[in-house]
Amino acid sequence: MIELTFRLTPENGEPRDVLVRIHEPTRNPSEEEWPWDVKVDIDGGQTATCGMDPLDAIENETRHAAIVLREVYGDALDPPVEPQD
C-alpha cells in the first residue's frame, strides 16, 4: 500500500491532514472486461478503478484520485495537486 498525506489548510476552517491510501492491485475474474482492479481511500471514502495490467490500474486510480483531490480541495492542499494536460 502507498500512503500519501496532504495538509489541508482551508481559508475558513481548521487545518487537517487528508490521507490517500492506494491499495495493491488485485486480479479480476477471467470473465471481467478489465483484468486488474485497484482501490484507493481518499479522506475516508473508497473508490476503485481497473486496468489492463497492475500498473495501468494504479495509473488510472492515481489520475482519478488527483482529479477528486483537485475538485474537492482545490488550492487548499499542501503539496498541491497540479492539473494534468
PDB file of N, CA and C in Angstrom:
ATOM      1  N   MET A   1       0.837  -1.167   0.000  1.00  0.00           N
ATOM      2  CA  MET A   1       0.000   0.000   0.000  1.00  0.00           C
ATOM      3  C   MET A   1       0.890   1.241   0.000  1.00  0.00           C
ATOM      4  N   ILE A   2       0.443   2.241  -0.729  1.00  0.00           N
ATOM      5  CA  ILE A   2       1.118   3.537  -0.752  1.00  0.00           C
ATOM      6  C   ILE A   2       0.231   4.524  -0.004  1.00  0.00           C
ATOM      7  N   GLU A   3       0.832   5.259   0.925  1.00  0.00           N
ATOM      8  CA  GLU A   3       0.089   6.279   1.671  1.00  0.00           C
ATOM      9  C   GLU A   3       0.695   7.654   1.394  1.00  0.00           C
ATOM     10  N   LEU A   4      -0.168   8.598   1.102  1.00  0.00           N
ATOM     11  CA  LEU A   4       0.239   9.982   0.898  1.00  0.00           C
ATOM     12  C   LEU A   4      -0.580  10.855   1.835  1.00  0.00           C
ATOM     13  N   THR A   5       0.066  11.807   2.470  1.00  0.00           N
ATOM     14  CA  THR A   5      -0.643  12.727   3.351  1.00  0.00           C
ATOM     15  C   THR A   5      -0.520  14.136   2.788  1.00  0.00           C
ATOM     16  N   PHE A   6      -1.659  14.776   2.622  1.00  0.00           N
ATOM     17  CA  PHE A   6      -1.720  16.161   2.175  1.00  0.00           C
ATOM     18  C   PHE A   6      -2.222  16.992   3.344  1.00  0.00           C
ATOM     19  N   ARG A   7      -1.697  18.185   3.477  1.00  0.00           N
ATOM     20  CA  ARG A   7      -2.145  19.107   4.526  1.00  0.00           C
ATOM     21  C   ARG A   7      -3.205  20.008   3.919  1.00  0.00           C
ATOM     22  N   LEU A   8      -4.381  19.999   4.507  1.00  0.00           N
ATOM     23  CA  LEU A   8      -5.487  20.836   4.056  1.00  0.00           C
ATOM     24  C   LEU A   8      -5.528  22.076   4.920  1.00  0.00           C
ATOM     25  N   THR A   9      -5.380  23.234   4.289  1.00  0.00           N
ATOM     26  CA  THR A   9      -5.427  24.496   5.015  1.00  0.00           C
ATOM     27  C   THR A   9      -6.500  25.386   4.391  1.00  0.00           C
ATOM     28  N   PRO A  10      -7.748  25.143   4.749  1.00  0.00           N
ATOM     29  CA  PRO A  10      -8.840  25.944   4.172  1.00  0.00           C
ATOM     30  C   PRO A  10      -8.830  27.370   4.714  1.00  0.00           C
ATOM     31  N   GLU A  11      -9.391  28.304   3.927  1.00  0.00           N
ATOM     32  CA  GLU A  11      -9.452  29.700   4.360  1.00  0.00           C
ATOM     33  C   GLU A  11     -10.291  29.850   5.616  1.00  0.00           C
ATOM     34  N   ASN A  12     -11.414  29.160   5.657  1.00  0.00           N
ATOM     35  CA  ASN A  12     -12.320  29.248   6.807  1.00  0.00           C
ATOM     36  C   ASN A  12     -12.430  27.880   7.461  1.00  0.00           C
ATOM     37  N   GLY A  13     -11.487  27.558   8.298  1.00  0.00           N
ATOM     38  CA  GLY A  13     -11.550  26.264   8.957  1.00  0.00           C
ATOM     39  C   GLY A  13     -10.226  25.868   9.552  1.00  0.00           C
ATOM     40  N   GLU A  14     -10.261  24.779  10.265  1.00  0.00           N
ATOM     41  CA  GLU A  14      -9.095  24.249  10.957  1.00  0.00           C
ATOM     42  C   GLU A  14      -8.240  23.420   9.999  1.00  0.00           C
ATOM     43  N   PRO A  15      -6.926  23.635   9.956  1.00  0.00           N
ATOM     44  CA  PRO A  15      -6.059  22.787   9.132  1.00  0.00           C
ATOM     45  C   PRO A  15      -6.147  21.327   9.589  1.00  0.00           C
ATOM     46  N   ARG A  16      -6.062  20.412   8.635  1.00  0.00           N
ATOM     47  CA  ARG A  16      -6.092  18.985   8.951  1.00  0.00           C
ATOM     48  C   ARG A  16      -5.392  18.221   7.838  1.00  0.00           C
ATOM     49  N   ASP A  17      -5.130  16.944   8.099  1.00  0.00           N
ATOM     50  CA  ASP A  17      -4.499  16.077   7.108  1.00  0.00           C
ATOM     51  C   ASP A  17      -5.556  15.357   6.280  1.00  0.00           C
ATOM     52  N   VAL A  18      -5.259  15.184   4.994  1.00  0.00           N
ATOM     53  CA  VAL A  18      -6.072  14.376   4.085  1.00  0.00           C
ATOM     54  C   VAL A  18      -5.197  13.195   3.692  1.00  0.00           C
ATOM     55  N   LEU A  19      -5.636  11.994   4.016  1.00  0.00           N
ATOM     56  CA  LEU A  19      -4.863  10.783   3.761  1.00  0.00           C
ATOM     57  C   LEU A  19      -5.372  10.083   2.508  1.00  0.00           C
ATOM     58  N   VAL A  20      -4.435   9.714   1.633  1.00  0.00           N
ATOM     59  CA  VAL A  20      -4.742   8.943   0.428  1.00  0.00           C
ATOM     60  C   VAL A  20      -3.997   7.620   0.536  1.00  0.00           C
ATOM     61  N   ARG A  21      -4.733   6.508   0.450  1.00  0.00           N
ATOM     62  CA  ARG A  21      -4.131   5.171   0.504  1.00  0.00           C
ATOM     63  C   ARG A  21      -4.445   4.436  -0.794  1.00  0.00           C
ATOM     64  N   ILE A  22      -3.395   4.062  -1.520  1.00  0.00           N
ATOM     65  CA  ILE A  22      -3.545   3.307  -2.759  1.00  0.00           C
ATOM     66  C   ILE A  22      -3.215   1.852  -2.440  1.00  0.00           C
ATOM     67  N   HIS A  23      -4.193   0.983  -2.609  1.00  0.00           N
ATOM     68  CA  HIS A  23      -4.037  -0.425  -2.257  1.00  0.00           C
ATOM     69  C   HIS A  23      -3.360  -1.209  -3.379  1.00  0.00           C
ATOM     70  N   GLU A  24      -2.930  -2.404  -3.054  1.00  0.00           N
ATOM     71  CA  GLU A  24      -2.300  -3.289  -4.029  1.00  0.00           C
ATOM     72  C   GLU A  24      -3.328  -3.741  -5.070  1.00  0.00           C
ATOM     73  N   PRO A  25      -2.952  -3.760  -6.350  1.00  0.00           N
ATOM     74  CA  PRO A  25      -3.882  -4.226  -7.379  1.00  0.00           C
ATOM     75  C   PRO A  25      -4.263  -5.692  -7.168  1.00  0.00           C
ATOM     76  N   THR A  26      -5.486  -6.018  -7.555  1.00  0.00           N
ATOM     77  CA  THR A  26      -5.954  -7.400  -7.479  1.00  0.00           C
ATOM     78  C   THR A  26      -6.443  -7.839  -8.847  1.00  0.00           C
ATOM     79  N   ARG A  27      -6.313  -9.127  -9.113  1.00  0.00           N
ATOM     80  CA  ARG A  27      -6.756  -9.677 -10.397  1.00  0.00           C
ATOM     81  C   ARG A  27      -8.261  -9.923 -10.345  1.00  0.00           C
ATOM     82  N   ASN A  28      -8.944  -9.501 -11.386  1.00  0.00           N
ATOM     83  CA  ASN A  28     -10.373  -9.750 -11.523  1.00  0.00           C
ATOM     84  C   ASN A  28     -10.615 -11.142 -12.084  1.00  0.00           C
ATOM     85  N   PRO A  29     -11.813 -11.688 -11.899  1.00  0.00           N
ATOM     86  CA  PRO A  29     -12.135 -12.976 -12.526  1.00  0.00           C
ATOM     87  C   PRO A  29     -11.987 -12.895 -14.041  1.00  0.00           C
ATOM     88  N   SER A  30     -11.688 -14.003 -14.667  1.00  0.00           N
ATOM     89  CA  SER A  30     -11.385 -14.023 -16.104  1.00  0.00           C
ATOM     90  C   SER A  30     -12.536 -13.532 -16.972  1.00  0.00           C
ATOM     91  N   GLU A  31     -13.771 -13.601 -16.484  1.00  0.00           N
ATOM     92  CA  GLU A  31     -14.897 -13.138 -17.300  1.00  0.00           C
ATOM     93  C   GLU A  31     -15.077 -11.623 -17.283  1.00  0.00           C
ATOM     94  N   GLU A  32     -14.355 -10.934 -16.431  1.00  0.00           N
ATOM     95  CA  GLU A  32     -14.429  -9.469 -16.366  1.00  0.00           C
ATOM     96  C   GLU A  32     -13.747  -8.843 -17.578  1.00  0.00           C
ATOM     97  N   GLU A  33     -14.251  -7.672 -17.991  1.00  0.00           N
ATOM     98  CA  GLU A  33     -13.671  -6.964 -19.135  1.00  0.00           C
ATOM     99  C   GLU A  33     -12.254  -6.469 -18.843  1.00  0.00           C
ATOM    100  N   TRP A  34     -12.038  -5.961 -17.625  1.00  0.00           N
ATOM    101  CA  TRP A  34     -10.733  -5.445 -17.231  1.00  0.00           C
ATOM    102  C   TRP A  34     -10.083  -6.437 -16.276  1.00  0.00           C
ATOM    103  N   PRO A  35      -8.866  -6.891 -16.584  1.00  0.00           N
ATOM    104  CA  PRO A  35      -8.232  -7.931 -15.767  1.00  0.00           C
ATOM    105  C   PRO A  35      -7.777  -7.501 -14.370  1.00  0.00           C
ATOM    106  N   TRP A  36      -7.545  -6.206 -14.149  1.00  0.00           N
ATOM    107  CA  TRP A  36      -6.988  -5.757 -12.864  1.00  0.00           C
ATOM    108  C   TRP A  36      -7.821  -4.647 -12.255  1.00  0.00           C
ATOM    109  N   ASP A  37      -7.810  -4.601 -10.926  1.00  0.00           N
ATOM    110  CA  ASP A  37      -8.580  -3.635 -10.159  1.00  0.00           C
ATOM    111  C   ASP A  37      -7.683  -3.090  -9.038  1.00  0.00           C
ATOM    112  N   VAL A  38      -7.843  -1.815  -8.719  1.00  0.00           N
ATOM    113  CA  VAL A  38      -7.120  -1.242  -7.580  1.00  0.00           C
ATOM    114  C   VAL A  38      -8.065  -0.298  -6.843  1.00  0.00           C
ATOM    115  N   LYS A  39      -8.003  -0.328  -5.518  1.00  0.00           N
ATOM    116  CA  LYS A  39      -8.834   0.520  -4.679  1.00  0.00           C
ATOM    117  C   LYS A  39      -7.979   1.623  -4.065  1.00  0.00           C
ATOM    118  N   VAL A  40      -8.620   2.762  -3.828  1.00  0.00           N
ATOM    119  CA  VAL A  40      -7.944   3.866  -3.157  1.00  0.00           C
ATOM    120  C   VAL A  40      -8.907   4.478  -2.145  1.00  0.00           C
ATOM    121  N   ASP A  41      -8.373   4.798  -0.979  1.00  0.00           N
ATOM    122  CA  ASP A  41      -9.121   5.522   0.045  1.00  0.00           C
ATOM    123  C   ASP A  41      -8.685   6.977  -0.032  1.00  0.00           C
ATOM    124  N   ILE A  42      -9.663   7.874  -0.149  1.00  0.00           N
ATOM    125  CA  ILE A  42      -9.386   9.306  -0.181  1.00  0.00           C
ATOM    126  C   ILE A  42     -10.170   9.945   0.948  1.00  0.00           C
ATOM    127  N   ASP A  43      -9.455  10.336   1.996  1.00  0.00           N
ATOM    128  CA  ASP A  43     -10.065  11.023   3.130  1.00  0.00           C
ATOM    129  C   ASP A  43     -11.268  10.255   3.680  1.00  0.00           C
ATOM    130  N   GLY A  44     -11.117   8.929   3.788  1.00  0.00           N
ATOM    131  CA  GLY A  44     -12.157   8.094   4.373  1.00  0.00           C
ATOM    132  C   GLY A  44     -13.121   7.457   3.397  1.00  0.00           C
ATOM    133  N   GLY A  45     -13.195   7.935   2.170  1.00  0.00           N
ATOM    134  CA  GLY A  45     -14.058   7.328   1.159  1.00  0.00           C
ATOM    135  C   GLY A  45     -13.239   6.418   0.259  1.00  0.00           C
ATOM    136  N   GLN A  46     -13.860   5.394  -0.317  1.00  0.00           N
ATOM    137  CA  GLN A  46     -13.115   4.454  -1.161  1.00  0.00           C
ATOM    138  C   GLN A  46     -13.690   4.422  -2.569  1.00  0.00           C
ATOM    139  N   THR A  47     -12.790   4.390  -3.551  1.00  0.00           N
ATOM    140  CA  THR A  47     -13.164   4.210  -4.946  1.00  0.00           C
ATOM    141  C   THR A  47     -12.316   3.089  -5.524  1.00  0.00           C
ATOM    142  N   ALA A  48     -12.694   2.613  -6.703  1.00  0.00           N
ATOM    143  CA  ALA A  48     -11.930   1.569  -7.382  1.00  0.00           C
ATOM    144  C   ALA A  48     -11.888   1.874  -8.870  1.00  0.00           C
ATOM    145  N   THR A  49     -10.783   1.547  -9.477  1.00  0.00           N
ATOM    146  CA  THR A  49     -10.599   1.702 -10.913  1.00  0.00           C
ATOM    147  C   THR A  49      -9.902   0.454 -11.423  1.00  0.00           C
ATOM    148  N   CYS A  50     -10.062   0.184 -12.692  1.00  0.00           N
ATOM    149  CA  CYS A  50      -9.470  -1.029 -13.265  1.00  0.00           C
ATOM    150  C   CYS A  50      -8.466  -0.674 -14.356  1.00  0.00           C
ATOM    151  N   GLY A  51      -7.772  -1.701 -14.839  1.00  0.00           N
ATOM    152  CA  GLY A  51      -6.785  -1.517 -15.885  1.00  0.00           C
ATOM    153  C   GLY A  51      -6.457  -2.829 -16.558  1.00  0.00           C
ATOM    154  N   MET A  52      -5.674  -2.734 -17.616  1.00  0.00           N
ATOM    155  CA  MET A  52      -5.293  -3.916 -18.388  1.00  0.00           C
ATOM    156  C   MET A  52      -4.185  -4.716 -17.702  1.00  0.00           C
ATOM    157  N   ASP A  53      -3.399  -4.052 -16.852  1.00  0.00           N
ATOM    158  CA  ASP A  53      -2.348  -4.722 -16.084  1.00  0.00           C
ATOM    159  C   ASP A  53      -2.239  -3.981 -14.749  1.00  0.00           C
ATOM    160  N   PRO A  54      -1.467  -4.501 -13.801  1.00  0.00           N
ATOM    161  CA  PRO A  54      -1.412  -3.863 -12.481  1.00  0.00           C
ATOM    162  C   PRO A  54      -0.981  -2.393 -12.524  1.00  0.00           C
ATOM    163  N   LEU A  55       0.015  -2.073 -13.330  1.00  0.00           N
ATOM    164  CA  LEU A  55       0.491  -0.682 -13.378  1.00  0.00           C
ATOM    165  C   LEU A  55      -0.522   0.234 -14.042  1.00  0.00           C
ATOM    166  N   ASP A  56      -1.227  -0.265 -15.045  1.00  0.00           N
ATOM    167  CA  ASP A  56      -2.283   0.508 -15.698  1.00  0.00           C
ATOM    168  C   ASP A  56      -3.393   0.821 -14.702  1.00  0.00           C
ATOM    169  N   ALA A  57      -3.758  -0.153 -13.877  1.00  0.00           N
ATOM    170  CA  ALA A  57      -4.793   0.062 -12.867  1.00  0.00           C
ATOM    171  C   ALA A  57      -4.350   1.115 -11.856  1.00  0.00           C
ATOM    172  N   ILE A  58      -3.097   1.054 -11.408  1.00  0.00           N
ATOM    173  CA  ILE A  58      -2.581   2.050 -10.457  1.00  0.00           C
ATOM    174  C   ILE A  58      -2.557   3.433 -11.102  1.00  0.00           C
ATOM    175  N   GLU A  59      -2.099   3.509 -12.351  1.00  0.00           N
ATOM    176  CA  GLU A  59      -2.057   4.796 -13.043  1.00  0.00           C
ATOM    177  C   GLU A  59      -3.458   5.394 -13.167  1.00  0.00           C
ATOM    178  N   ASN A  60      -4.432   4.572 -13.551  1.00  0.00           N
ATOM    179  CA  ASN A  60      -5.804   5.062 -13.692  1.00  0.00           C
ATOM    180  C   ASN A  60      -6.356   5.552 -12.357  1.00  0.00           C
ATOM    181  N   GLU A  61      -6.078   4.822 -11.293  1.00  0.00           N
ATOM    182  CA  GLU A  61      -6.595   5.217  -9.984  1.00  0.00           C
ATOM    183  C   GLU A  61      -5.906   6.463  -9.459  1.00  0.00           C
ATOM    184  N   THR A  62      -4.617   6.611  -9.678  1.00  0.00           N
ATOM    185  CA  THR A  62      -3.941   7.822  -9.197  1.00  0.00           C
ATOM    186  C   THR A  62      -4.411   9.052  -9.967  1.00  0.00           C
ATOM    187  N   ARG A  63      -4.685   8.895 -11.252  1.00  0.00           N
ATOM    188  CA  ARG A  63      -5.259  10.027 -12.020  1.00  0.00           C
ATOM    189  C   ARG A  63      -6.633  10.397 -11.456  1.00  0.00           C
ATOM    190  N   HIS A  64      -7.435   9.377 -11.159  1.00  0.00           N
ATOM    191  CA  HIS A  64      -8.757   9.622 -10.581  1.00  0.00           C
ATOM    192  C   HIS A  64      -8.625  10.319  -9.223  1.00  0.00           C
ATOM    193  N   ALA A  65      -7.716   9.859  -8.385  1.00  0.00           N
ATOM    194  CA  ALA A  65      -7.508  10.468  -7.067  1.00  0.00           C
ATOM    195  C   ALA A  65      -7.083  11.929  -7.204  1.00  0.00           C
ATOM    196  N   ALA A  66      -6.221  12.219  -8.158  1.00  0.00           N
ATOM    197  CA  ALA A  66      -5.776  13.607  -8.369  1.00  0.00           C
ATOM    198  C   ALA A  66      -6.948  14.499  -8.767  1.00  0.00           C
ATOM    199  N   ILE A  67      -7.816  13.996  -9.628  1.00  0.00           N
ATOM    200  CA  ILE A  67      -8.994  14.768 -10.047  1.00  0.00           C
ATOM    201  C   ILE A  67      -9.895  15.036  -8.843  1.00  0.00           C
ATOM    202  N   VAL A  68     -10.150  14.005  -8.044  1.00  0.00           N
ATOM    203  CA  VAL A  68     -11.003  14.170  -6.863  1.00  0.00           C
ATOM    204  C   VAL A  68     -10.386  15.186  -5.907  1.00  0.00           C
ATOM    205  N   LEU A  69      -9.092  15.064  -5.625  1.00  0.00           N
ATOM    206  CA  LEU A  69      -8.434  15.993  -4.704  1.00  0.00           C
ATOM    207  C   LEU A  69      -8.518  17.431  -5.205  1.00  0.00           C
ATOM    208  N   ARG A  70      -8.257  17.643  -6.495  1.00  0.00           N
ATOM    209  CA  ARG A  70      -8.321  18.994  -7.054  1.00  0.00           C
ATOM    210  C   ARG A  70      -9.733  19.560  -6.980  1.00  0.00           C
ATOM    211  N   GLU A  71     -10.739  18.739  -7.348  1.00  0.00           N
ATOM    212  CA  GLU A  71     -12.119  19.232  -7.379  1.00  0.00           C
ATOM    213  C   GLU A  71     -12.674  19.479  -5.978  1.00  0.00           C
ATOM    214  N   VAL A  72     -12.325  18.646  -5.017  1.00  0.00           N
ATOM    215  CA  VAL A  72     -12.879  18.785  -3.671  1.00  0.00           C
ATOM    216  C   VAL A  72     -12.119  19.816  -2.846  1.00  0.00           C
ATOM    217  N   TYR A  73     -10.783  19.807  -2.921  1.00  0.00           N
ATOM    218  CA  TYR A  73      -9.977  20.643  -2.029  1.00  0.00           C
ATOM    219  C   TYR A  73      -9.271  21.798  -2.724  1.00  0.00           C
ATOM    220  N   GLY A  74      -9.117  21.736  -4.027  1.00  0.00           N
ATOM    221  CA  GLY A  74      -8.525  22.826  -4.788  1.00  0.00           C
ATOM    222  C   GLY A  74      -7.150  23.249  -4.313  1.00  0.00           C
ATOM    223  N   ASP A  75      -6.986  24.554  -4.157  1.00  0.00           N
ATOM    224  CA  ASP A  75      -5.684  25.134  -3.797  1.00  0.00           C
ATOM    225  C   ASP A  75      -5.367  25.043  -2.314  1.00  0.00           C
ATOM    226  N   ALA A  76      -6.241  24.419  -1.527  1.00  0.00           N
ATOM    227  CA  ALA A  76      -6.011  24.349  -0.091  1.00  0.00           C
ATOM    228  C   ALA A  76      -5.108  23.188   0.298  1.00  0.00           C
ATOM    229  N   LEU A  77      -4.595  22.406  -0.682  1.00  0.00           N
ATOM    230  CA  LEU A  77      -3.748  21.256  -0.385  1.00  0.00           C
ATOM    231  C   LEU A  77      -2.272  21.601  -0.416  1.00  0.00           C
ATOM    232  N   ASP A  78      -1.524  20.995   0.500  1.00  0.00           N
ATOM    233  CA  ASP A  78      -0.074  21.114   0.512  1.00  0.00           C
ATOM    234  C   ASP A  78       0.494  19.710   0.696  1.00  0.00           C
ATOM    235  N   PRO A  79       1.238  19.157  -0.247  1.00  0.00           N
ATOM    236  CA  PRO A  79       1.636  19.769  -1.504  1.00  0.00           C
ATOM    237  C   PRO A  79       0.460  19.854  -2.467  1.00  0.00           C
ATOM    238  N   PRO A  80       0.528  20.814  -3.395  1.00  0.00           N
ATOM    239  CA  PRO A  80      -0.577  20.984  -4.342  1.00  0.00           C
ATOM    240  C   PRO A  80      -0.656  19.818  -5.324  1.00  0.00           C
ATOM    241  N   VAL A  81      -1.850  19.592  -5.827  1.00  0.00           N
ATOM    242  CA  VAL A  81      -2.068  18.599  -6.885  1.00  0.00           C
ATOM    243  C   VAL A  81      -2.326  19.410  -8.155  1.00  0.00           C
ATOM    244  N   GLU A  82      -1.398  19.308  -9.083  1.00  0.00           N
ATOM    245  CA  GLU A  82      -1.452  20.130 -10.284  1.00  0.00           C
ATOM    246  C   GLU A  82      -2.303  19.473 -11.367  1.00  0.00           C
ATOM    247  N   PRO A  83      -3.049  20.274 -12.134  1.00  0.00           N
ATOM    248  CA  PRO A  83      -3.816  19.724 -13.260  1.00  0.00           C
ATOM    249  C   PRO A  83      -2.891  19.105 -14.302  1.00  0.00           C
ATOM    250  N   GLN A  84      -3.316  18.015 -14.907  1.00  0.00           N
ATOM    251  CA  GLN A  84      -2.528  17.344 -15.954  1.00  0.00           C
ATOM    252  C   GLN A  84      -3.106  17.723 -17.315  1.00  0.00           C
ATOM    253  N   ASP A  85      -2.214  17.932 -18.267  1.00  0.00           N
ATOM    254  CA  ASP A  85      -2.663  18.253 -19.647  1.00  0.00           C
ATOM    255  C   ASP A  85      -2.979  16.992 -20.400  1.00  0.00           C
TER     256      ASP A  85
END
